[in-house]
N, C-alpha and C. Protein backbone atom coordinates (compact mmCIF):
# COMPACT_ATOMS: atom_id res chain seq x y z
N MET A 1 1.00 -1.20 -0.03
CA MET A 1 -0.01 -0.12 0.00
C MET A 1 0.87 1.41 0.06
N THR A 2 0.72 2.26 -0.64
CA THR A 2 1.56 3.51 -1.28
C THR A 2 0.60 4.77 -0.49
N ARG A 3 1.09 5.34 0.43
CA ARG A 3 0.30 6.62 0.61
C ARG A 3 0.54 7.53 -0.65
N THR A 4 0.14 8.67 -0.88
CA THR A 4 0.23 9.40 -1.53
C THR A 4 -0.07 11.13 -0.75
N ALA A 5 1.12 12.02 -1.38
CA ALA A 5 1.25 12.52 -0.35
C ALA A 5 0.49 14.05 -0.61
N ARG A 6 -0.39 14.56 0.46
CA ARG A 6 -1.36 15.34 0.13
C ARG A 6 -0.66 16.94 -0.06
N ARG A 7 -1.30 17.45 -0.71
CA ARG A 7 -1.15 18.76 -0.88
C ARG A 7 -1.64 19.64 0.17
N PRO A 8 -0.68 20.80 0.48
CA PRO A 8 -1.10 21.63 1.64
C PRO A 8 -2.16 22.31 1.00
N ALA A 9 -3.20 23.04 1.99
CA ALA A 9 -4.25 23.69 1.81
C ALA A 9 -3.09 24.99 1.14
N PHE A 10 -3.74 26.33 0.58
CA PHE A 10 -3.28 27.33 0.17
C PHE A 10 -2.91 27.78 0.90
N THR A 11 -3.86 28.12 2.24
CA THR A 11 -3.63 29.09 3.50
C THR A 11 -2.44 28.88 4.10
N ASP A 12 -2.56 27.28 4.08
CA ASP A 12 -1.16 26.99 4.86
C ASP A 12 0.39 26.86 4.56
N LEU A 13 0.39 27.49 3.23
CA LEU A 13 1.45 27.87 1.85
C LEU A 13 2.28 28.89 2.68
N PRO A 14 3.83 29.11 2.76
CA PRO A 14 4.45 30.37 3.36
C PRO A 14 3.60 31.44 2.37
N ALA A 15 3.13 32.75 2.53
CA ALA A 15 2.52 33.99 2.09
C ALA A 15 3.45 34.41 1.08
N GLY A 16 5.00 33.74 1.02
CA GLY A 16 5.81 34.50 -0.45
C GLY A 16 5.20 33.20 -1.74
N THR A 17 4.79 32.07 -0.83
CA THR A 17 4.49 31.32 -1.88
C THR A 17 3.13 31.22 -2.56
N GLN A 18 2.03 31.49 -1.59
CA GLN A 18 0.97 32.50 -1.96
C GLN A 18 0.93 33.36 -3.27
N ALA A 19 1.64 34.19 -2.61
CA ALA A 19 2.20 35.46 -3.62
C ALA A 19 2.45 35.16 -5.14
N ALA A 20 3.37 34.10 -5.00
CA ALA A 20 3.72 33.63 -6.35
C ALA A 20 2.93 32.66 -7.40
N LEU A 21 1.96 32.31 -6.57
CA LEU A 21 0.98 31.48 -7.16
C LEU A 21 -0.11 32.31 -7.80
N LEU A 22 -0.48 33.06 -6.77
CA LEU A 22 -1.50 34.02 -7.36
C LEU A 22 -1.08 34.98 -8.60
N CYS A 23 0.12 35.33 -8.36
CA CYS A 23 0.51 35.81 -9.57
C CYS A 23 0.64 35.02 -10.73
N LYS A 24 0.31 33.59 -11.28
CA LYS A 24 -0.13 33.05 -11.81
C LYS A 24 -1.08 32.92 -12.25
N ASP A 25 -2.32 33.44 -11.38
CA ASP A 25 -3.70 33.26 -11.51
C ASP A 25 -4.34 33.96 -12.21
N ALA A 26 -5.16 33.47 -13.62
CA ALA A 26 -5.39 34.48 -14.17
C ALA A 26 -6.67 35.56 -13.57
N ARG A 27 -7.45 34.84 -13.02
CA ARG A 27 -8.25 35.50 -12.01
C ARG A 27 -7.81 37.02 -11.20
N PHE A 28 -6.54 36.91 -10.53
CA PHE A 28 -5.85 37.37 -9.55
C PHE A 28 -5.09 38.59 -10.74
N GLN A 29 -4.98 38.15 -11.85
CA GLN A 29 -4.37 39.22 -12.81
C GLN A 29 -5.38 40.18 -13.08
N ARG A 30 -6.46 39.61 -13.38
CA ARG A 30 -7.97 40.45 -13.92
C ARG A 30 -8.08 41.21 -12.69
N PHE A 31 -8.23 40.93 -11.36
CA PHE A 31 -8.27 41.07 -10.33
C PHE A 31 -6.98 42.50 -10.01
N ALA A 32 -6.02 42.67 -10.14
CA ALA A 32 -5.00 43.36 -10.41
C ALA A 32 -5.29 44.68 -11.33
N SER A 33 -5.52 43.94 -12.78
CA SER A 33 -5.64 45.02 -13.81
C SER A 33 -6.65 45.77 -13.45
N GLU A 34 -7.80 45.41 -12.77
CA GLU A 34 -9.04 46.42 -12.27
C GLU A 34 -8.55 47.24 -11.37
N GLN A 35 -7.69 46.84 -10.65
CA GLN A 35 -7.41 47.72 -9.11
C GLN A 35 -6.66 49.19 -9.98
N CYS A 36 -6.08 49.13 -10.82
CA CYS A 36 -5.14 49.95 -11.48
C CYS A 36 -5.83 50.62 -12.44
N GLY A 37 -7.09 49.66 -13.13
CA GLY A 37 -7.65 50.36 -14.47
C GLY A 37 -6.86 50.38 -15.78
N TYR A 38 -6.16 49.34 -15.73
CA TYR A 38 -5.37 48.64 -16.88
C TYR A 38 -6.59 47.56 -17.26
N SER A 39 -5.89 47.42 -18.71
CA SER A 39 -6.66 46.26 -19.72
C SER A 39 -6.18 44.76 -18.68
N ALA A 40 -7.13 43.83 -18.79
CA ALA A 40 -6.81 43.13 -18.13
C ALA A 40 -5.45 42.08 -19.08
N SER A 41 -5.60 42.24 -20.57
CA SER A 41 -4.57 41.25 -21.25
C SER A 41 -3.47 42.10 -20.94
N PHE A 42 -3.01 43.22 -20.06
CA PHE A 42 -1.77 43.62 -20.13
C PHE A 42 -1.12 43.22 -18.82
N PHE A 43 -1.98 42.65 -17.61
CA PHE A 43 -1.29 42.09 -16.78
C PHE A 43 -1.13 40.65 -16.85
N THR A 44 -0.03 40.50 -16.87
CA THR A 44 0.92 39.02 -17.27
C THR A 44 1.13 38.46 -15.86
N GLU A 45 1.82 37.40 -15.55
CA GLU A 45 2.33 37.04 -14.73
C GLU A 45 3.14 37.92 -13.89
N ASP A 46 4.15 38.74 -14.69
CA ASP A 46 5.37 39.80 -14.47
C ASP A 46 4.67 41.01 -14.18
N PHE A 47 3.68 41.38 -14.69
CA PHE A 47 3.43 42.52 -14.50
C PHE A 47 2.14 42.36 -12.91
N THR A 48 1.65 41.33 -12.69
CA THR A 48 1.00 41.23 -11.90
C THR A 48 1.94 40.96 -10.47
N ALA A 49 2.68 40.56 -10.78
CA ALA A 49 3.90 40.66 -9.51
C ALA A 49 4.38 41.38 -9.24
N ALA A 50 4.84 42.29 -10.06
CA ALA A 50 5.42 43.72 -9.88
C ALA A 50 4.15 44.53 -9.15
N TRP A 51 2.96 44.53 -9.59
CA TRP A 51 1.95 45.17 -8.68
C TRP A 51 1.88 44.92 -7.33
N LEU A 52 1.81 43.36 -7.24
CA LEU A 52 1.70 43.08 -5.90
C LEU A 52 3.07 43.35 -4.94
N ARG A 53 4.08 43.53 -5.69
CA ARG A 53 5.21 44.21 -4.68
C ARG A 53 5.18 45.22 -4.66
N ASP A 54 4.29 46.17 -5.48
CA ASP A 54 4.12 47.94 -5.47
C ASP A 54 3.10 48.07 -4.40
N GLN A 55 2.25 46.91 -4.36
CA GLN A 55 1.11 47.25 -3.30
C GLN A 55 1.70 46.74 -2.02
N CYS A 56 2.50 45.74 -1.74
CA CYS A 56 3.03 45.50 -0.46
C CYS A 56 4.68 46.11 -0.10
N ASN A 57 4.67 47.12 -0.69
CA ASN A 57 6.12 47.82 -0.79
C ASN A 57 7.36 46.99 -0.61
N ILE A 58 7.52 46.07 -1.42
CA ILE A 58 8.77 45.12 -1.12
C ILE A 58 9.59 45.16 -2.39
N LEU A 59 10.73 44.38 -2.14
CA LEU A 59 11.60 44.23 -3.41
C LEU A 59 11.34 42.97 -3.95
N SER A 60 10.69 41.59 -3.45
CA SER A 60 10.93 40.18 -3.51
C SER A 60 9.51 39.87 -2.97
N ARG A 61 8.85 38.84 -3.55
CA ARG A 61 7.86 38.49 -2.63
C ARG A 61 8.29 37.31 -1.56
N ALA A 62 9.57 37.12 -1.61
CA ALA A 62 9.73 36.50 -0.30
C ALA A 62 10.06 37.22 1.38
N ASP A 63 10.08 38.75 1.01
CA ASP A 63 10.09 39.87 2.02
C ASP A 63 8.41 39.38 2.58
N LEU A 64 7.82 38.79 2.11
CA LEU A 64 6.65 38.69 3.03
C LEU A 64 6.80 37.55 4.21
N HIS A 65 7.95 36.71 3.98
CA HIS A 65 8.30 35.55 5.09
C HIS A 65 8.97 36.81 6.36
N SER A 66 9.28 38.13 6.08
CA SER A 66 10.28 38.69 7.29
C SER A 66 9.72 40.02 7.85
N ASP A 67 8.62 40.41 7.07
CA ASP A 67 8.14 42.00 6.98
C ASP A 67 6.73 41.81 7.47
N ALA A 68 6.66 42.45 8.53
CA ALA A 68 4.96 41.98 9.42
C ALA A 68 4.21 43.34 8.14
N GLN A 69 4.39 43.98 8.18
CA GLN A 69 4.03 45.30 7.57
C GLN A 69 3.57 44.67 5.98
N ALA A 70 4.51 44.20 5.40
CA ALA A 70 4.14 43.82 4.07
C ALA A 70 3.18 42.82 4.36
N LEU A 71 3.30 41.67 5.25
CA LEU A 71 2.67 40.95 5.53
C LEU A 71 0.99 41.09 5.59
N ALA A 72 0.97 42.23 6.45
CA ALA A 72 -0.49 42.89 6.57
C ALA A 72 -1.08 43.20 5.29
N ARG A 73 -0.49 43.78 4.60
CA ARG A 73 -0.66 44.35 3.42
C ARG A 73 -1.05 43.48 2.78
N PHE A 74 -0.34 42.74 2.53
CA PHE A 74 -0.60 40.94 1.47
C PHE A 74 -2.01 40.41 1.85
N SER A 75 -2.42 40.60 3.24
CA SER A 75 -3.55 39.96 3.74
C SER A 75 -4.88 40.77 3.18
N ILE A 76 -4.52 42.07 3.39
CA ILE A 76 -5.66 42.84 3.04
C ILE A 76 -5.92 42.61 1.79
N LEU A 77 -5.08 42.56 0.83
CA LEU A 77 -5.09 42.37 -0.60
C LEU A 77 -6.07 40.50 -1.08
N ILE A 78 -5.71 39.69 0.14
CA ILE A 78 -6.01 38.62 -0.37
C ILE A 78 -7.59 38.77 0.41
N THR A 79 -8.07 39.50 1.16
CA THR A 79 -9.38 39.09 1.63
C THR A 79 -10.07 40.46 0.25
N GLU A 80 -9.59 41.21 -0.22
CA GLU A 80 -10.07 42.07 -1.12
C GLU A 80 -10.13 41.16 -2.40
N PHE A 81 -9.59 40.36 -2.59
CA PHE A 81 -9.06 39.24 -3.84
C PHE A 81 -10.84 38.56 -3.79
N ASP A 82 -10.78 38.10 -2.28
CA ASP A 82 -11.79 36.76 -2.05
C ASP A 82 -13.27 37.28 -2.21
N VAL A 83 -13.00 38.97 -1.79
CA VAL A 83 -14.73 39.63 -1.80
C VAL A 83 -15.07 40.07 -3.40
N TRP A 84 -13.87 40.37 -4.26
CA TRP A 84 -13.76 40.52 -5.61
C TRP A 84 -14.56 39.08 -6.23
N THR A 85 -13.87 38.08 -5.70
CA THR A 85 -14.26 36.73 -6.49
C THR A 85 -15.49 36.07 -6.13
N GLY A 86 -16.15 36.84 -4.84
CA GLY A 86 -17.07 36.33 -4.33
C GLY A 86 -17.39 35.21 -3.63
N LYS A 87 -15.98 34.71 -3.24
CA LYS A 87 -15.18 33.87 -2.04
C LYS A 87 -16.29 33.97 -0.65
N ILE A 88 -15.83 35.39 -0.38
CA ILE A 88 -16.40 35.68 0.85
C ILE A 88 -17.22 37.31 0.45
N ALA A 89 -17.93 37.65 1.27
CA ALA A 89 -19.10 39.02 1.78
C ALA A 89 -17.80 40.03 1.73
N ALA A 90 -18.66 40.89 1.69
CA ALA A 90 -17.97 42.04 1.55
C ALA A 90 -17.32 42.62 3.41
N PRO A 91 -16.27 42.71 3.53
CA PRO A 91 -16.15 43.24 5.38
C PRO A 91 -16.69 44.04 5.71
N ARG A 92 -17.08 44.66 6.42
CA ARG A 92 -17.80 45.69 6.75
C ARG A 92 -16.79 46.76 7.76
């Protein structure tokens, strides 16, 4: 009998890994483009990563592991994205 390794839940991943995965996500790319008023086709993975770094005021997504303020800004972005996708209701 072989055991299959289970993938960790997205929320259990380190923030830098979450950020990297989100930047590859087409929905997150559309979300980012809407946040700054650009065409969704403009927002590739690279542009989305640059936008995320700008929003979190970091030079690298790895900075999310050690910068508490950047992590707080990233958490806000995640919440805004979850509202945008309809995953959660708008916070009060």
